Amino acid sequence: MRFLTLFLISIFLLTQTNAQKGGVKKMFVIKSTAFKDGETIPKKFTCDGQDYSPELTWENAPTGTKSFALICEDPDAPGGTFIHWVIYDIPANVTKLPENVKKVGIVDDKIKQGVNDFGRIGYGGPCPPRGHKPHRYIFKLYALDVETLGLNSGATAEQVEAKAKGHILAEAKIVGLYGR
């Protein structure tokens, strides 16, 4: 019993010391001004609205991050996971994607967009079959230790994930829901 008490006191003191030294590490997170994690994606960001990409922001990328890649997918699609957005080679100093990113291969002379499962470049908003339960739309942001994946614009999610493999320092996710 005495050993357990001493052990717990040691853990507490170590935790307090690390917190005082700034040793508590903040989580790599992604957020949206359009919806909160686990909540409904507004119609404006879907095929039933303007089909705009939502604004996304992130913080606390790990040390050594040189770029980011983002993939948005719907794992609830009837034919299997459906890709809605592929965007990569986002420089490390960028911490935000604005609402309604242009649907072009290269954004701001550096950020590349891939092809989604609609067969188009850029964001394609939620568009699930009518009459089913809401689908989950997972926005996965990868912090990478390379400045570029070495891919041209128009890459698929599979190509981006294959090139990112072994270079992912951290991953952050936000999930939005949408049904029709």
Protein backbone atom coordinates (compact mmCIF):
# COMPACT_ATOMS: atom_id res chain seq x y z
CA MET A 1 0.00 0.00 0.00
CA ARG A 2 2.81 2.39 0.91
CA PHE A 3 4.54 1.71 -2.44
CA LEU A 4 1.34 2.48 -4.35
CA THR A 5 0.90 5.75 -2.46
CA LEU A 6 4.48 6.81 -3.18
CA PHE A 7 4.07 5.84 -6.83
CA LEU A 8 0.91 7.93 -7.21
CA ILE A 9 2.51 10.91 -5.49
CA SER A 10 5.51 10.64 -7.85
CA ILE A 11 3.23 10.60 -10.90
CA PHE A 12 1.32 13.63 -9.60
CA LEU A 13 4.52 15.60 -8.97
CA LEU A 14 5.93 14.69 -12.37
CA THR A 15 2.72 15.82 -14.06
CA GLN A 16 2.74 19.11 -12.15
CA THR A 17 6.42 19.76 -12.99
CA ASN A 18 5.83 19.10 -16.70
CA ALA A 19 2.76 21.37 -16.70
CA GLN A 20 4.77 24.17 -15.07
CA LYS A 21 7.53 23.80 -17.65
CA GLY A 22 5.03 23.85 -20.50
CA GLY A 23 5.44 20.10 -20.90
CA VAL A 24 1.76 19.47 -21.46
CA LYS A 25 1.56 18.89 -25.18
CA LYS A 26 -1.40 20.41 -27.02
CA MET A 27 -3.30 18.21 -29.45
CA PHE A 28 -3.13 18.68 -33.21
CA VAL A 29 -6.72 19.66 -34.04
CA ILE A 30 -8.81 20.68 -37.03
CA LYS A 31 -11.98 22.78 -36.71
CA SER A 32 -14.58 24.34 -38.94
CA THR A 33 -16.52 27.56 -38.61
CA ALA A 34 -19.33 25.88 -40.59
CA PHE A 35 -20.05 22.97 -38.21
CA LYS A 36 -18.79 21.41 -35.00
CA ASP A 37 -17.36 17.90 -34.81
CA GLY A 38 -20.21 15.38 -34.98
CA GLU A 39 -22.82 17.95 -36.06
CA THR A 40 -24.72 18.53 -39.31
CA ILE A 41 -22.97 20.13 -42.26
CA PRO A 42 -25.06 23.11 -43.44
CA LYS A 43 -26.79 22.77 -46.82
CA LYS A 44 -24.59 25.51 -48.31
CA PHE A 45 -21.65 23.06 -48.28
CA THR A 46 -23.55 20.23 -50.02
CA CYS A 47 -24.86 19.36 -53.49
CA ASP A 48 -28.25 20.66 -52.31
CA GLY A 49 -26.76 24.13 -51.77
CA GLN A 50 -23.85 26.05 -53.29
CA ASP A 51 -21.45 23.07 -52.94
CA TYR A 52 -18.86 25.32 -51.26
CA SER A 53 -16.00 23.79 -49.30
CA PRO A 54 -16.27 24.70 -45.61
CA GLU A 55 -13.69 26.89 -43.91
CA LEU A 56 -11.23 24.72 -41.99
CA THR A 57 -8.59 25.79 -39.49
CA TRP A 58 -6.01 23.82 -37.56
CA GLU A 59 -3.50 24.32 -34.80
CA ASN A 60 -0.74 22.67 -32.79
CA ALA A 61 0.94 20.88 -35.69
CA PRO A 62 3.87 18.82 -34.44
CA THR A 63 7.44 20.06 -34.63
CA GLY A 64 8.98 19.13 -37.96
CA THR A 65 5.80 19.64 -40.00
CA LYS A 66 6.70 20.79 -43.52
CA SER A 67 3.32 20.43 -45.23
CA PHE A 68 -0.26 19.23 -44.83
CA ALA A 69 -2.60 17.05 -46.87
CA LEU A 70 -6.35 16.77 -46.41
CA ILE A 71 -8.77 14.10 -47.57
CA CYS A 72 -12.53 14.21 -47.04
CA GLU A 73 -14.33 10.90 -47.31
CA ASP A 74 -17.77 9.38 -46.78
CA PRO A 75 -17.35 5.86 -45.36
CA ASP A 76 -21.15 5.35 -45.40
CA ALA A 77 -21.61 5.58 -49.19
CA PRO A 78 -23.54 2.63 -50.67
CA GLY A 79 -20.66 1.55 -52.93
CA GLY A 80 -17.98 1.90 -50.24
CA THR A 81 -15.89 4.86 -49.13
CA PHE A 82 -16.48 7.85 -51.41
CA ILE A 83 -13.86 10.60 -51.70
CA HIS A 84 -15.16 14.18 -51.64
CA TRP A 85 -11.94 16.21 -51.51
CA VAL A 86 -8.21 15.72 -51.97
CA ILE A 87 -5.93 18.71 -51.29
CA TYR A 88 -2.20 18.46 -50.62
CA ASP A 89 1.18 20.21 -50.61
CA ILE A 90 -0.32 22.77 -48.24
CA PRO A 91 2.69 24.68 -46.83
CA ALA A 92 3.46 24.33 -43.12
CA ASN A 93 2.81 28.04 -42.49
CA VAL A 94 -0.80 27.70 -43.70
CA THR A 95 -3.27 26.98 -40.90
CA LYS A 96 -6.54 27.65 -42.71
CA LEU A 97 -8.43 26.75 -45.85
CA PRO A 98 -11.03 29.44 -46.58
CA GLU A 99 -14.63 28.78 -47.45
CA ASN A 100 -15.19 27.97 -51.12
CA VAL A 101 -11.68 27.01 -52.22
CA LYS A 102 -11.57 27.36 -56.01
CA LYS A 103 -12.05 24.07 -57.86
CA VAL A 104 -8.76 24.26 -59.76
CA GLY A 105 -5.70 22.02 -59.84
CA ILE A 106 -3.36 24.52 -58.20
CA VAL A 107 -4.47 27.06 -55.59
CA ASP A 108 -2.32 30.09 -54.70
CA ASP A 109 0.51 28.85 -56.95
CA LYS A 110 1.44 26.01 -54.59
CA ILE A 111 -1.43 24.04 -53.03
CA LYS A 112 -2.55 21.14 -55.21
CA GLN A 113 -5.98 19.58 -55.46
CA GLY A 114 -6.75 16.09 -56.55
CA VAL A 115 -9.68 14.42 -58.20
CA ASN A 116 -12.67 13.37 -56.09
CA ASP A 117 -14.94 10.40 -56.73
CA PHE A 118 -17.32 12.65 -58.69
CA GLY A 119 -14.47 12.71 -61.24
CA ARG A 120 -13.77 16.43 -60.69
CA ILE A 121 -10.91 18.49 -59.25
CA GLY A 122 -11.53 20.08 -55.86
CA TYR A 123 -14.29 19.79 -53.32
CA GLY A 124 -17.52 17.94 -54.04
CA GLY A 125 -19.95 18.32 -51.17
CA PRO A 126 -22.09 15.73 -49.45
CA CYS A 127 -24.75 14.28 -51.73
CA PRO A 128 -26.01 11.06 -50.12
CA PRO A 129 -28.98 9.06 -51.42
CA ARG A 130 -32.35 10.34 -50.23
CA GLY A 131 -34.22 8.59 -47.47
CA HIS A 132 -31.26 7.07 -45.63
CA LYS A 133 -29.74 7.95 -42.29
CA PRO A 134 -27.20 10.80 -42.37
CA HIS A 135 -23.74 9.92 -43.66
CA ARG A 136 -20.47 10.79 -41.91
CA TYR A 137 -18.06 13.06 -43.77
CA ILE A 138 -14.59 12.72 -42.31
CA PHE A 139 -12.09 15.51 -42.98
CA LYS A 140 -8.66 13.98 -42.26
CA LEU A 141 -5.72 16.36 -42.05
CA TYR A 142 -2.21 14.93 -42.13
CA ALA A 143 0.86 16.81 -40.85
CA LEU A 144 3.77 15.66 -43.03
CA ASP A 145 7.55 15.82 -42.72
CA VAL A 146 8.03 16.63 -46.44
CA GLU A 147 7.35 19.89 -48.29
CA THR A 148 5.81 18.17 -51.28
CA LEU A 149 4.50 14.72 -52.09
CA GLY A 150 5.96 14.92 -55.59
CA LEU A 151 2.59 14.52 -57.27
CA ASN A 152 1.02 16.66 -59.97
CA SER A 153 -2.40 18.16 -59.38
CA GLY A 154 -5.24 15.74 -60.08
CA ALA A 155 -3.92 12.92 -57.89
CA THR A 156 -6.34 10.50 -56.25
CA ALA A 157 -6.74 9.99 -52.51
CA GLU A 158 -5.02 6.62 -52.87
CA GLN A 159 -2.01 8.22 -54.57
CA VAL A 160 -1.76 10.92 -51.89
CA GLU A 161 -2.03 8.40 -49.06
CA ALA A 162 0.59 6.15 -50.69
CA LYS A 163 3.07 9.04 -51.06
CA ALA A 164 2.30 10.28 -47.51
CA LYS A 165 2.94 6.87 -45.98
CA GLY A 166 6.01 7.02 -43.77
CA HIS A 167 5.87 10.85 -43.67
CA ILE A 168 2.84 11.36 -41.40
CA LEU A 169 3.77 13.07 -38.13
CA ALA A 170 0.18 13.44 -36.90
CA GLU A 171 -3.43 13.23 -38.03
CA ALA A 172 -6.39 15.39 -37.01
CA LYS A 173 -10.03 14.73 -37.89
CA ILE A 174 -13.36 16.47 -37.87
CA VAL A 175 -16.59 14.67 -38.76
CA GLY A 176 -19.69 16.32 -40.21
CA LEU A 177 -23.06 14.68 -40.82
CA TYR A 178 -25.47 15.11 -43.70
CA GLY A 179 -28.61 13.30 -44.82
CA ARG A 180 -31.33 13.97 -47.38
